[in-house]
């Protein structure tokens, strides 16, 4: 996030072990949960 811009289709942090082909789902980063609310009710999510 140091100001460089990534173009469409460029992954800012490529990691071949992560993603849809790895077999197990990538979990949500816990720090994001405090920012996310339901778009319908605007209430916190679990």
ModelCIF file with pLDDT and N, C-alpha, C, O atoms, coordinates in Angstrom:
data_MODEL
#
_entry.id   MODEL 
#
_entity.id                         1 
_entity.type                       polymer 
_entity.pdbx_number_of_molecules   1 
#
_entity_poly.entity_id                      1 
_entity_poly.type                           'polypeptide(L)' 
_entity_poly.nstd_linkage                   no 
_entity_poly.nstd_monomer                   no 
_entity_poly.pdbx_seq_one_letter_code       
;(UNK)(UNK)(UNK)(UNK)(UNK)(UNK)(UNK)(UNK)(UNK)(UNK)(UNK)(UNK)(UNK)(UNK)(UNK)(UNK)
(UNK)(UNK)(UNK)(UNK)(UNK)(UNK)(UNK)(UNK)(UNK)(UNK)(UNK)(UNK)(UNK)(UNK)(UNK)(UNK)
(UNK)(UNK)(UNK)(UNK)(UNK)(UNK)(UNK)(UNK)(UNK)(UNK)(UNK)(UNK)(UNK)(UNK)
;
_entity_poly.pdbx_seq_one_letter_code_can   XXXXXXXXXXXXXXXXXXXXXXXXXXXXXXXXXXXXXXXXXXXXXX 
_entity_poly.pdbx_strand_id                 A 
#
loop_
_entity_poly_seq.entity_id 
_entity_poly_seq.num 
_entity_poly_seq.mon_id 
_entity_poly_seq.hetero 
1 1  UNK n 
1 2  UNK n 
1 3  UNK n 
1 4  UNK n 
1 5  UNK n 
1 6  UNK n 
1 7  UNK n 
1 8  UNK n 
1 9  UNK n 
1 10 UNK n 
1 11 UNK n 
1 12 UNK n 
1 13 UNK n 
1 14 UNK n 
1 15 UNK n 
1 16 UNK n 
1 17 UNK n 
1 18 UNK n 
1 19 UNK n 
1 20 UNK n 
1 21 UNK n 
1 22 UNK n 
1 23 UNK n 
1 24 UNK n 
1 25 UNK n 
1 26 UNK n 
1 27 UNK n 
1 28 UNK n 
1 29 UNK n 
1 30 UNK n 
1 31 UNK n 
1 32 UNK n 
1 33 UNK n 
1 34 UNK n 
1 35 UNK n 
1 36 UNK n 
1 37 UNK n 
1 38 UNK n 
1 39 UNK n 
1 40 UNK n 
1 41 UNK n 
1 42 UNK n 
1 43 UNK n 
1 44 UNK n 
1 45 UNK n 
1 46 UNK n 
#
_struct_asym.id          A 
_struct_asym.entity_id   1 
#
loop_
_ma_qa_metric.id 
_ma_qa_metric.mode 
_ma_qa_metric.name 
_ma_qa_metric.software_group_id 
_ma_qa_metric.type 
1 global pLDDT . pLDDT 
2 local  pLDDT . pLDDT 
#
_ma_qa_metric_global.metric_id      1 
_ma_qa_metric_global.metric_value   68.52 
_ma_qa_metric_global.model_id       1 
_ma_qa_metric_global.ordinal_id     1 
#
loop_
_ma_qa_metric_local.label_asym_id 
_ma_qa_metric_local.label_comp_id 
_ma_qa_metric_local.label_seq_id 
_ma_qa_metric_local.metric_id 
_ma_qa_metric_local.metric_value 
_ma_qa_metric_local.model_id 
_ma_qa_metric_local.ordinal_id 
A UNK 1  2 42.00 1 1  
A UNK 2  2 42.00 1 2  
A UNK 3  2 45.00 1 3  
A UNK 4  2 46.00 1 4  
A UNK 5  2 49.00 1 5  
A UNK 6  2 48.00 1 6  
A UNK 7  2 50.00 1 7  
A UNK 8  2 52.00 1 8  
A UNK 9  2 52.00 1 9  
A UNK 10 2 50.00 1 10 
A UNK 11 2 49.00 1 11 
A UNK 12 2 49.00 1 12 
A UNK 13 2 48.00 1 13 
A UNK 14 2 46.00 1 14 
A UNK 15 2 45.00 1 15 
A UNK 16 2 41.00 1 16 
A UNK 17 2 41.00 1 17 
A UNK 18 2 42.00 1 18 
A UNK 19 2 46.00 1 19 
A UNK 20 2 48.00 1 20 
A UNK 21 2 52.00 1 21 
A UNK 22 2 54.00 1 22 
A UNK 23 2 64.00 1 23 
A UNK 24 2 69.00 1 24 
A UNK 25 2 76.00 1 25 
A UNK 26 2 84.00 1 26 
A UNK 27 2 82.00 1 27 
A UNK 28 2 83.00 1 28 
A UNK 29 2 84.00 1 29 
A UNK 30 2 84.00 1 30 
A UNK 31 2 87.00 1 31 
A UNK 32 2 87.00 1 32 
A UNK 33 2 88.00 1 33 
A UNK 34 2 89.00 1 34 
A UNK 35 2 91.00 1 35 
A UNK 36 2 93.00 1 36 
A UNK 37 2 95.00 1 37 
A UNK 38 2 96.00 1 38 
A UNK 39 2 96.00 1 39 
A UNK 40 2 96.00 1 40 
A UNK 41 2 96.00 1 41 
A UNK 42 2 96.00 1 42 
A UNK 43 2 95.00 1 43 
A UNK 44 2 94.00 1 44 
A UNK 45 2 95.00 1 45 
A UNK 46 2 95.00 1 46 
#
loop_
_atom_site.group_PDB 
_atom_site.id 
_atom_site.type_symbol 
_atom_site.label_atom_id 
_atom_site.label_alt_id 
_atom_site.label_comp_id 
_atom_site.label_asym_id 
_atom_site.label_entity_id 
_atom_site.label_seq_id 
_atom_site.pdbx_PDB_ins_code 
_atom_site.Cartn_x 
_atom_site.Cartn_y 
_atom_site.Cartn_z 
_atom_site.occupancy 
_atom_site.B_iso_or_equiv 
_atom_site.pdbx_formal_charge 
_atom_site.auth_seq_id 
_atom_site.auth_comp_id 
_atom_site.auth_asym_id 
_atom_site.auth_atom_id 
_atom_site.pdbx_PDB_model_num 
ATOM 1   N N  . UNK A 1 1  ? 0.825   -1.203  0.000   1.00 42.00 ? 1  UNK A N  1 
ATOM 2   C CA . UNK A 1 1  ? 0.000   0.000   0.000   1.00 42.00 ? 1  UNK A CA 1 
ATOM 3   C C  . UNK A 1 1  ? 0.861   1.255   0.000   1.00 42.00 ? 1  UNK A C  1 
ATOM 4   O O  . UNK A 1 1  ? 0.411   2.308   0.453   1.00 42.00 ? 1  UNK A O  1 
ATOM 5   N N  . UNK A 1 2  ? 2.078   1.165   -0.494  1.00 42.00 ? 2  UNK A N  1 
ATOM 6   C CA . UNK A 1 2  ? 2.991   2.302   -0.443  1.00 42.00 ? 2  UNK A CA 1 
ATOM 7   C C  . UNK A 1 2  ? 2.817   3.248   -1.611  1.00 42.00 ? 2  UNK A C  1 
ATOM 8   O O  . UNK A 1 2  ? 3.742   3.987   -1.946  1.00 42.00 ? 2  UNK A O  1 
ATOM 9   N N  . UNK A 1 3  ? 1.635   3.242   -2.247  1.00 45.00 ? 3  UNK A N  1 
ATOM 10  C CA . UNK A 1 3  ? 1.359   4.199   -3.303  1.00 45.00 ? 3  UNK A CA 1 
ATOM 11  C C  . UNK A 1 3  ? 1.476   3.630   -4.695  1.00 45.00 ? 3  UNK A C  1 
ATOM 12  O O  . UNK A 1 3  ? 0.967   4.237   -5.637  1.00 45.00 ? 3  UNK A O  1 
ATOM 13  N N  . UNK A 1 4  ? 2.135   2.471   -4.873  1.00 46.00 ? 4  UNK A N  1 
ATOM 14  C CA . UNK A 1 4  ? 2.208   1.922   -6.208  1.00 46.00 ? 4  UNK A CA 1 
ATOM 15  C C  . UNK A 1 4  ? 0.849   1.385   -6.597  1.00 46.00 ? 4  UNK A C  1 
ATOM 16  O O  . UNK A 1 4  ? 0.097   0.896   -5.755  1.00 46.00 ? 4  UNK A O  1 
ATOM 17  N N  . UNK A 1 5  ? 0.542   1.479   -7.872  1.00 49.00 ? 5  UNK A N  1 
ATOM 18  C CA . UNK A 1 5  ? -0.765  1.041   -8.351  1.00 49.00 ? 5  UNK A CA 1 
ATOM 19  C C  . UNK A 1 5  ? -0.619  -0.277  -9.076  1.00 49.00 ? 5  UNK A C  1 
ATOM 20  O O  . UNK A 1 5  ? 0.319   -0.487  -9.846  1.00 49.00 ? 5  UNK A O  1 
ATOM 21  N N  . UNK A 1 6  ? -1.543  -1.139  -8.822  1.00 48.00 ? 6  UNK A N  1 
ATOM 22  C CA . UNK A 1 6  ? -1.588  -2.419  -9.505  1.00 48.00 ? 6  UNK A CA 1 
ATOM 23  C C  . UNK A 1 6  ? -2.651  -2.334  -10.583 1.00 48.00 ? 6  UNK A C  1 
ATOM 24  O O  . UNK A 1 6  ? -3.721  -1.771  -10.351 1.00 48.00 ? 6  UNK A O  1 
ATOM 25  N N  . UNK A 1 7  ? -2.384  -2.865  -11.719 1.00 50.00 ? 7  UNK A N  1 
ATOM 26  C CA . UNK A 1 7  ? -3.354  -2.886  -12.796 1.00 50.00 ? 7  UNK A CA 1 
ATOM 27  C C  . UNK A 1 7  ? -4.342  -4.012  -12.597 1.00 50.00 ? 7  UNK A C  1 
ATOM 28  O O  . UNK A 1 7  ? -4.116  -4.902  -11.777 1.00 50.00 ? 7  UNK A O  1 
ATOM 29  N N  . UNK A 1 8  ? -5.453  -3.982  -13.351 1.00 52.00 ? 8  UNK A N  1 
ATOM 30  C CA . UNK A 1 8  ? -6.419  -5.075  -13.248 1.00 52.00 ? 8  UNK A CA 1 
ATOM 31  C C  . UNK A 1 8  ? -5.763  -6.412  -13.579 1.00 52.00 ? 8  UNK A C  1 
ATOM 32  O O  . UNK A 1 8  ? -4.977  -6.512  -14.521 1.00 52.00 ? 8  UNK A O  1 
ATOM 33  N N  . UNK A 1 9  ? -6.086  -7.411  -12.815 1.00 52.00 ? 9  UNK A N  1 
ATOM 34  C CA . UNK A 1 9  ? -5.545  -8.731  -13.049 1.00 52.00 ? 9  UNK A CA 1 
ATOM 35  C C  . UNK A 1 9  ? -4.199  -8.978  -12.404 1.00 52.00 ? 9  UNK A C  1 
ATOM 36  O O  . UNK A 1 9  ? -3.704  -10.105 -12.439 1.00 52.00 ? 9  UNK A O  1 
ATOM 37  N N  . UNK A 1 10 ? -3.585  -7.955  -11.812 1.00 50.00 ? 10 UNK A N  1 
ATOM 38  C CA . UNK A 1 10 ? -2.305  -8.132  -11.139 1.00 50.00 ? 10 UNK A CA 1 
ATOM 39  C C  . UNK A 1 10 ? -2.556  -8.310  -9.657  1.00 50.00 ? 10 UNK A C  1 
ATOM 40  O O  . UNK A 1 10 ? -3.182  -7.467  -9.014  1.00 50.00 ? 10 UNK A O  1 
ATOM 41  N N  . UNK A 1 11 ? -2.075  -9.386  -9.133  1.00 49.00 ? 11 UNK A N  1 
ATOM 42  C CA . UNK A 1 11 ? -2.230  -9.661  -7.710  1.00 49.00 ? 11 UNK A CA 1 
ATOM 43  C C  . UNK A 1 11 ? -1.125  -8.941  -6.959  1.00 49.00 ? 11 UNK A C  1 
ATOM 44  O O  . UNK A 1 11 ? 0.050   -9.164  -7.253  1.00 49.00 ? 11 UNK A O  1 
ATOM 45  N N  . UNK A 1 12 ? -1.466  -8.063  -5.972  1.00 49.00 ? 12 UNK A N  1 
ATOM 46  C CA . UNK A 1 12 ? -0.438  -7.315  -5.269  1.00 49.00 ? 12 UNK A CA 1 
ATOM 47  C C  . UNK A 1 12 ? 0.481   -8.191  -4.433  1.00 49.00 ? 12 UNK A C  1 
ATOM 48  O O  . UNK A 1 12 ? 1.610   -7.794  -4.145  1.00 49.00 ? 12 UNK A O  1 
ATOM 49  N N  . UNK A 1 13 ? 0.024   -9.370  -4.039  1.00 48.00 ? 13 UNK A N  1 
ATOM 50  C CA . UNK A 1 13 ? 0.833   -10.253 -3.208  1.00 48.00 ? 13 UNK A CA 1 
ATOM 51  C C  . UNK A 1 13 ? 0.594   -11.690 -3.653  1.00 48.00 ? 13 UNK A C  1 
ATOM 52  O O  . UNK A 1 13 ? -0.109  -12.434 -2.970  1.00 48.00 ? 13 UNK A O  1 
ATOM 53  N N  . UNK A 1 14 ? 1.173   -12.097 -4.796  1.00 46.00 ? 14 UNK A N  1 
ATOM 54  C CA . UNK A 1 14 ? 0.898   -13.440 -5.282  1.00 46.00 ? 14 UNK A CA 1 
ATOM 55  C C  . UNK A 1 14 ? 1.430   -14.488 -4.322  1.00 46.00 ? 14 UNK A C  1 
ATOM 56  O O  . UNK A 1 14 ? 2.564   -14.402 -3.852  1.00 46.00 ? 14 UNK A O  1 
ATOM 57  N N  . UNK A 1 15 ? 0.600   -15.474 -4.040  1.00 45.00 ? 15 UNK A N  1 
ATOM 58  C CA . UNK A 1 15 ? 0.967   -16.567 -3.166  1.00 45.00 ? 15 UNK A CA 1 
ATOM 59  C C  . UNK A 1 15 ? 0.336   -17.826 -3.740  1.00 45.00 ? 15 UNK A C  1 
ATOM 60  O O  . UNK A 1 15 ? -0.867  -18.027 -3.573  1.00 45.00 ? 15 UNK A O  1 
ATOM 61  N N  . UNK A 1 16 ? 1.093   -18.672 -4.401  1.00 41.00 ? 16 UNK A N  1 
ATOM 62  C CA . UNK A 1 16 ? 0.500   -19.820 -5.065  1.00 41.00 ? 16 UNK A CA 1 
ATOM 63  C C  . UNK A 1 16 ? -0.183  -20.788 -4.112  1.00 41.00 ? 16 UNK A C  1 
ATOM 64  O O  . UNK A 1 16 ? -1.000  -21.592 -4.561  1.00 41.00 ? 16 UNK A O  1 
ATOM 65  N N  . UNK A 1 17 ? 0.108   -20.749 -2.836  1.00 41.00 ? 17 UNK A N  1 
ATOM 66  C CA . UNK A 1 17 ? -0.526  -21.653 -1.890  1.00 41.00 ? 17 UNK A CA 1 
ATOM 67  C C  . UNK A 1 17 ? -1.894  -21.183 -1.444  1.00 41.00 ? 17 UNK A C  1 
ATOM 68  O O  . UNK A 1 17 ? -2.617  -21.950 -0.809  1.00 41.00 ? 17 UNK A O  1 
ATOM 69  N N  . UNK A 1 18 ? -2.276  -19.965 -1.748  1.00 42.00 ? 18 UNK A N  1 
ATOM 70  C CA . UNK A 1 18 ? -3.553  -19.416 -1.327  1.00 42.00 ? 18 UNK A CA 1 
ATOM 71  C C  . UNK A 1 18 ? -4.437  -19.251 -2.549  1.00 42.00 ? 18 UNK A C  1 
ATOM 72  O O  . UNK A 1 18 ? -3.933  -19.006 -3.645  1.00 42.00 ? 18 UNK A O  1 
ATOM 73  N N  . UNK A 1 19 ? -5.737  -19.378 -2.385  1.00 46.00 ? 19 UNK A N  1 
ATOM 74  C CA . UNK A 1 19 ? -6.639  -19.137 -3.491  1.00 46.00 ? 19 UNK A CA 1 
ATOM 75  C C  . UNK A 1 19 ? -7.570  -20.297 -3.710  1.00 46.00 ? 19 UNK A C  1 
ATOM 76  O O  . UNK A 1 19 ? -7.582  -21.259 -2.942  1.00 46.00 ? 19 UNK A O  1 
ATOM 77  N N  . UNK A 1 20 ? -8.359  -20.198 -4.774  1.00 48.00 ? 20 UNK A N  1 
ATOM 78  C CA . UNK A 1 20 ? -9.417  -21.170 -5.004  1.00 48.00 ? 20 UNK A CA 1 
ATOM 79  C C  . UNK A 1 20 ? -8.886  -22.545 -5.366  1.00 48.00 ? 20 UNK A C  1 
ATOM 80  O O  . UNK A 1 20 ? -9.620  -23.525 -5.235  1.00 48.00 ? 20 UNK A O  1 
ATOM 81  N N  . UNK A 1 21 ? -7.642  -22.662 -5.815  1.00 52.00 ? 21 UNK A N  1 
ATOM 82  C CA . UNK A 1 21 ? -7.117  -23.955 -6.197  1.00 52.00 ? 21 UNK A CA 1 
ATOM 83  C C  . UNK A 1 21 ? -6.471  -24.711 -5.054  1.00 52.00 ? 21 UNK A C  1 
ATOM 84  O O  . UNK A 1 21 ? -5.982  -25.817 -5.282  1.00 52.00 ? 21 UNK A O  1 
ATOM 85  N N  . UNK A 1 22 ? -6.436  -24.188 -3.842  1.00 54.00 ? 22 UNK A N  1 
ATOM 86  C CA . UNK A 1 22 ? -5.701  -24.804 -2.749  1.00 54.00 ? 22 UNK A CA 1 
ATOM 87  C C  . UNK A 1 22 ? -6.477  -25.889 -2.018  1.00 54.00 ? 22 UNK A C  1 
ATOM 88  O O  . UNK A 1 22 ? -5.894  -26.582 -1.184  1.00 54.00 ? 22 UNK A O  1 
ATOM 89  N N  . UNK A 1 23 ? -7.766  -26.068 -2.291  1.00 64.00 ? 23 UNK A N  1 
ATOM 90  C CA . UNK A 1 23 ? -8.519  -27.133 -1.661  1.00 64.00 ? 23 UNK A CA 1 
ATOM 91  C C  . UNK A 1 23 ? -9.243  -26.723 -0.396  1.00 64.00 ? 23 UNK A C  1 
ATOM 92  O O  . UNK A 1 23 ? -10.348 -27.207 -0.151  1.00 64.00 ? 23 UNK A O  1 
ATOM 93  N N  . UNK A 1 24 ? -8.675  -25.860 0.408   1.00 69.00 ? 24 UNK A N  1 
ATOM 94  C CA . UNK A 1 24 ? -9.392  -25.401 1.602   1.00 69.00 ? 24 UNK A CA 1 
ATOM 95  C C  . UNK A 1 24 ? -9.630  -23.896 1.466   1.00 69.00 ? 24 UNK A C  1 
ATOM 96  O O  . UNK A 1 24 ? -8.785  -23.176 0.935   1.00 69.00 ? 24 UNK A O  1 
ATOM 97  N N  . UNK A 1 25 ? -10.783 -23.424 1.948   1.00 76.00 ? 25 UNK A N  1 
ATOM 98  C CA . UNK A 1 25 ? -11.105 -22.001 1.784   1.00 76.00 ? 25 UNK A CA 1 
ATOM 99  C C  . UNK A 1 25 ? -10.193 -21.120 2.616   1.00 76.00 ? 25 UNK A C  1 
ATOM 100 O O  . UNK A 1 25 ? -9.775  -21.480 3.717   1.00 76.00 ? 25 UNK A O  1 
ATOM 101 N N  . UNK A 1 26 ? -9.899  -19.965 2.064   1.00 84.00 ? 26 UNK A N  1 
ATOM 102 C CA . UNK A 1 26 ? -9.083  -18.993 2.785   1.00 84.00 ? 26 UNK A CA 1 
ATOM 103 C C  . UNK A 1 26 ? -9.997  -18.249 3.758   1.00 84.00 ? 26 UNK A C  1 
ATOM 104 O O  . UNK A 1 26 ? -10.996 -17.671 3.328   1.00 84.00 ? 26 UNK A O  1 
ATOM 105 N N  . UNK A 1 27 ? -9.686  -18.247 5.056   1.00 82.00 ? 27 UNK A N  1 
ATOM 106 C CA . UNK A 1 27 ? -10.565 -17.607 6.037   1.00 82.00 ? 27 UNK A CA 1 
ATOM 107 C C  . UNK A 1 27 ? -10.494 -16.088 5.963   1.00 82.00 ? 27 UNK A C  1 
ATOM 108 O O  . UNK A 1 27 ? -9.597  -15.507 5.351   1.00 82.00 ? 27 UNK A O  1 
ATOM 109 N N  . UNK A 1 28 ? -11.461 -15.481 6.601   1.00 83.00 ? 28 UNK A N  1 
ATOM 110 C CA . UNK A 1 28 ? -11.525 -14.024 6.688   1.00 83.00 ? 28 UNK A CA 1 
ATOM 111 C C  . UNK A 1 28 ? -10.488 -13.528 7.688   1.00 83.00 ? 28 UNK A C  1 
ATOM 112 O O  . UNK A 1 28 ? -10.298 -14.122 8.748   1.00 83.00 ? 28 UNK A O  1 
ATOM 113 N N  . UNK A 1 29 ? -9.830  -12.447 7.343   1.00 84.00 ? 29 UNK A N  1 
ATOM 114 C CA . UNK A 1 29 ? -8.887  -11.807 8.265   1.00 84.00 ? 29 UNK A CA 1 
ATOM 115 C C  . UNK A 1 29 ? -9.709  -11.214 9.421   1.00 84.00 ? 29 UNK A C  1 
ATOM 116 O O  . UNK A 1 29 ? -10.580 -10.379 9.178   1.00 84.00 ? 29 UNK A O  1 
ATOM 117 N N  . UNK A 1 30 ? -9.452  -11.624 10.666  1.00 84.00 ? 30 UNK A N  1 
ATOM 118 C CA . UNK A 1 30 ? -10.258 -11.163 11.796  1.00 84.00 ? 30 UNK A CA 1 
ATOM 119 C C  . UNK A 1 30 ? -10.339 -9.642  11.941  1.00 84.00 ? 30 UNK A C  1 
ATOM 120 O O  . UNK A 1 30 ? -11.356 -9.121  12.398  1.00 84.00 ? 30 UNK A O  1 
ATOM 121 N N  . UNK A 1 31 ? -9.286  -8.929  11.559  1.00 87.00 ? 31 UNK A N  1 
ATOM 122 C CA . UNK A 1 31 ? -9.310  -7.474  11.710  1.00 87.00 ? 31 UNK A CA 1 
ATOM 123 C C  . UNK A 1 31 ? -10.334 -6.805  10.788  1.00 87.00 ? 31 UNK A C  1 
ATOM 124 O O  . UNK A 1 31 ? -10.735 -5.668  11.038  1.00 87.00 ? 31 UNK A O  1 
ATOM 125 N N  . UNK A 1 32 ? -10.759 -7.496  9.727   1.00 87.00 ? 32 UNK A N  1 
ATOM 126 C CA . UNK A 1 32 ? -11.768 -6.918  8.826   1.00 87.00 ? 32 UNK A CA 1 
ATOM 127 C C  . UNK A 1 32 ? -13.163 -6.926  9.439   1.00 87.00 ? 32 UNK A C  1 
ATOM 128 O O  . UNK A 1 32 ? -14.003 -6.100  9.082   1.00 87.00 ? 32 UNK A O  1 
ATOM 129 N N  . UNK A 1 33 ? -13.410 -7.843  10.348  1.00 88.00 ? 33 UNK A N  1 
ATOM 130 C CA . UNK A 1 33 ? -14.747 -8.017  10.891  1.00 88.00 ? 33 UNK A CA 1 
ATOM 131 C C  . UNK A 1 33 ? -15.277 -6.757  11.564  1.00 88.00 ? 33 UNK A C  1 
ATOM 132 O O  . UNK A 1 33 ? -16.483 -6.507  11.541  1.00 88.00 ? 33 UNK A O  1 
ATOM 133 N N  . UNK A 1 34 ? -14.410 -5.972  12.155  1.00 89.00 ? 34 UNK A N  1 
ATOM 134 C CA . UNK A 1 34 ? -14.873 -4.754  12.835  1.00 89.00 ? 34 UNK A CA 1 
ATOM 135 C C  . UNK A 1 34 ? -15.344 -3.688  11.860  1.00 89.00 ? 34 UNK A C  1 
ATOM 136 O O  . UNK A 1 34 ? -16.061 -2.768  12.255  1.00 89.00 ? 34 UNK A O  1 
ATOM 137 N N  . UNK A 1 35 ? -14.948 -3.793  10.573  1.00 91.00 ? 35 UNK A N  1 
ATOM 138 C CA . UNK A 1 35 ? -15.354 -2.808  9.569   1.00 91.00 ? 35 UNK A CA 1 
ATOM 139 C C  . UNK A 1 35 ? -16.583 -3.243  8.774   1.00 91.00 ? 35 UNK A C  1 
ATOM 140 O O  . UNK A 1 35 ? -17.239 -2.406  8.154   1.00 91.00 ? 35 UNK A O  1 
ATOM 141 N N  . UNK A 1 36 ? -16.898 -4.516  8.782   1.00 93.00 ? 36 UNK A N  1 
ATOM 142 C CA . UNK A 1 36 ? -17.954 -5.042  7.919   1.00 93.00 ? 36 UNK A CA 1 
ATOM 143 C C  . UNK A 1 36 ? -19.294 -5.076  8.631   1.00 93.00 ? 36 UNK A C  1 
ATOM 144 O O  . UNK A 1 36 ? -19.399 -5.530  9.769   1.00 93.00 ? 36 UNK A O  1 
ATOM 145 N N  . UNK A 1 37 ? -20.311 -4.588  7.943   1.00 95.00 ? 37 UNK A N  1 
ATOM 146 C CA . UNK A 1 37 ? -21.683 -4.662  8.434   1.00 95.00 ? 37 UNK A CA 1 
ATOM 147 C C  . UNK A 1 37 ? -22.557 -5.194  7.311   1.00 95.00 ? 37 UNK A C  1 
ATOM 148 O O  . UNK A 1 37 ? -22.171 -5.141  6.143   1.00 95.00 ? 37 UNK A O  1 
ATOM 149 N N  . UNK A 1 38 ? -23.713 -5.698  7.653   1.00 96.00 ? 38 UNK A N  1 
ATOM 150 C CA . UNK A 1 38 ? -24.657 -6.200  6.665   1.00 96.00 ? 38 UNK A CA 1 
ATOM 151 C C  . UNK A 1 38 ? -25.119 -5.033  5.792   1.00 96.00 ? 38 UNK A C  1 
ATOM 152 O O  . UNK A 1 38 ? -25.514 -3.995  6.324   1.00 96.00 ? 38 UNK A O  1 
ATOM 153 N N  . UNK A 1 39 ? -25.080 -5.175  4.471   1.00 96.00 ? 39 UNK A N  1 
ATOM 154 C CA . UNK A 1 39 ? -25.527 -4.085  3.610   1.00 96.00 ? 39 UNK A CA 1 
ATOM 155 C C  . UNK A 1 39 ? -27.026 -3.835  3.680   1.00 96.00 ? 39 UNK A C  1 
ATOM 156 O O  . UNK A 1 39 ? -27.491 -2.767  3.282   1.00 96.00 ? 39 UNK A O  1 
ATOM 157 N N  . UNK A 1 40 ? -27.787 -4.802  4.177   1.00 96.00 ? 40 UNK A N  1 
ATOM 158 C CA . UNK A 1 40 ? -29.243 -4.630  4.287   1.00 96.00 ? 40 UNK A CA 1 
ATOM 159 C C  . UNK A 1 40 ? -29.653 -3.990  5.603   1.00 96.00 ? 40 UNK A C  1 
ATOM 160 O O  . UNK A 1 40 ? -30.417 -3.026  5.613   1.00 96.00 ? 40 UNK A O  1 
ATOM 161 N N  . UNK A 1 41 ? -29.151 -4.519  6.716   1.00 96.00 ? 41 UNK A N  1 
ATOM 162 C CA . UNK A 1 41 ? -29.575 -4.030  8.028   1.00 96.00 ? 41 UNK A CA 1 
ATOM 163 C C  . UNK A 1 41 ? -28.589 -3.046  8.656   1.00 96.00 ? 41 UNK A C  1 
ATOM 164 O O  . UNK A 1 41 ? -28.925 -2.363  9.623   1.00 96.00 ? 41 UNK A O  1 
ATOM 165 N N  . UNK A 1 42 ? -27.376 -2.973  8.109   1.00 96.00 ? 42 UNK A N  1 
ATOM 166 C CA . UNK A 1 42 ? -26.299 -2.120  8.655   1.00 96.00 ? 42 UNK A CA 1 
ATOM 167 C C  . UNK A 1 42 ? -25.892 -2.549  10.064  1.00 96.00 ? 42 UNK A C  1 
ATOM 168 O O  . UNK A 1 42 ? -25.370 -1.745  10.836  1.00 96.00 ? 42 UNK A O  1 
ATOM 169 N N  . UNK A 1 43 ? -26.129 -3.811  10.393  1.00 95.00 ? 43 UNK A N  1 
ATOM 170 C CA . UNK A 1 43 ? -25.773 -4.362  11.705  1.00 95.00 ? 43 UNK A CA 1 
ATOM 171 C C  . UNK A 1 43 ? -24.494 -5.174  11.596  1.00 95.00 ? 43 UNK A C  1 
ATOM 172 O O  . UNK A 1 43 ? -24.166 -5.652  10.510  1.00 95.00 ? 43 UNK A O  1 
ATOM 173 N N  . UNK A 1 44 ? -23.756 -5.346  12.704  1.00 94.00 ? 44 UNK A N  1 
ATOM 174 C CA . UNK A 1 44 ? -22.539 -6.161  12.678  1.00 94.00 ? 44 UNK A CA 1 
ATOM 175 C C  . UNK A 1 44 ? -22.842 -7.605  12.287  1.00 94.00 ? 44 UNK A C  1 
ATOM 176 O O  . UNK A 1 44 ? -23.955 -8.098  12.471  1.00 94.00 ? 44 UNK A O  1 
ATOM 177 N N  . UNK A 1 45 ? -21.838 -8.260  11.751  1.00 95.00 ? 45 UNK A N  1 
ATOM 178 C CA . UNK A 1 45 ? -21.962 -9.647  11.321  1.00 95.00 ? 45 UNK A CA 1 
ATOM 179 C C  . UNK A 1 45 ? -21.087 -10.534 12.192  1.00 95.00 ? 45 UNK A C  1 
ATOM 180 O O  . UNK A 1 45 ? -20.116 -10.074 12.794  1.00 95.00 ? 45 UNK A O  1 
ATOM 181 N N  . UNK A 1 46 ? -21.444 -11.810 12.251  1.00 95.00 ? 46 UNK A N  1 
ATOM 182 C CA . UNK A 1 46 ? -20.666 -12.800 13.010  1.00 95.00 ? 46 UNK A CA 1 
ATOM 183 C C  . UNK A 1 46 ? -19.979 -13.721 12.008  1.00 95.00 ? 46 UNK A C  1 
ATOM 184 O O  . UNK A 1 46 ? -19.262 -14.640 12.404  1.00 95.00 ? 46 UNK A O  1 
#
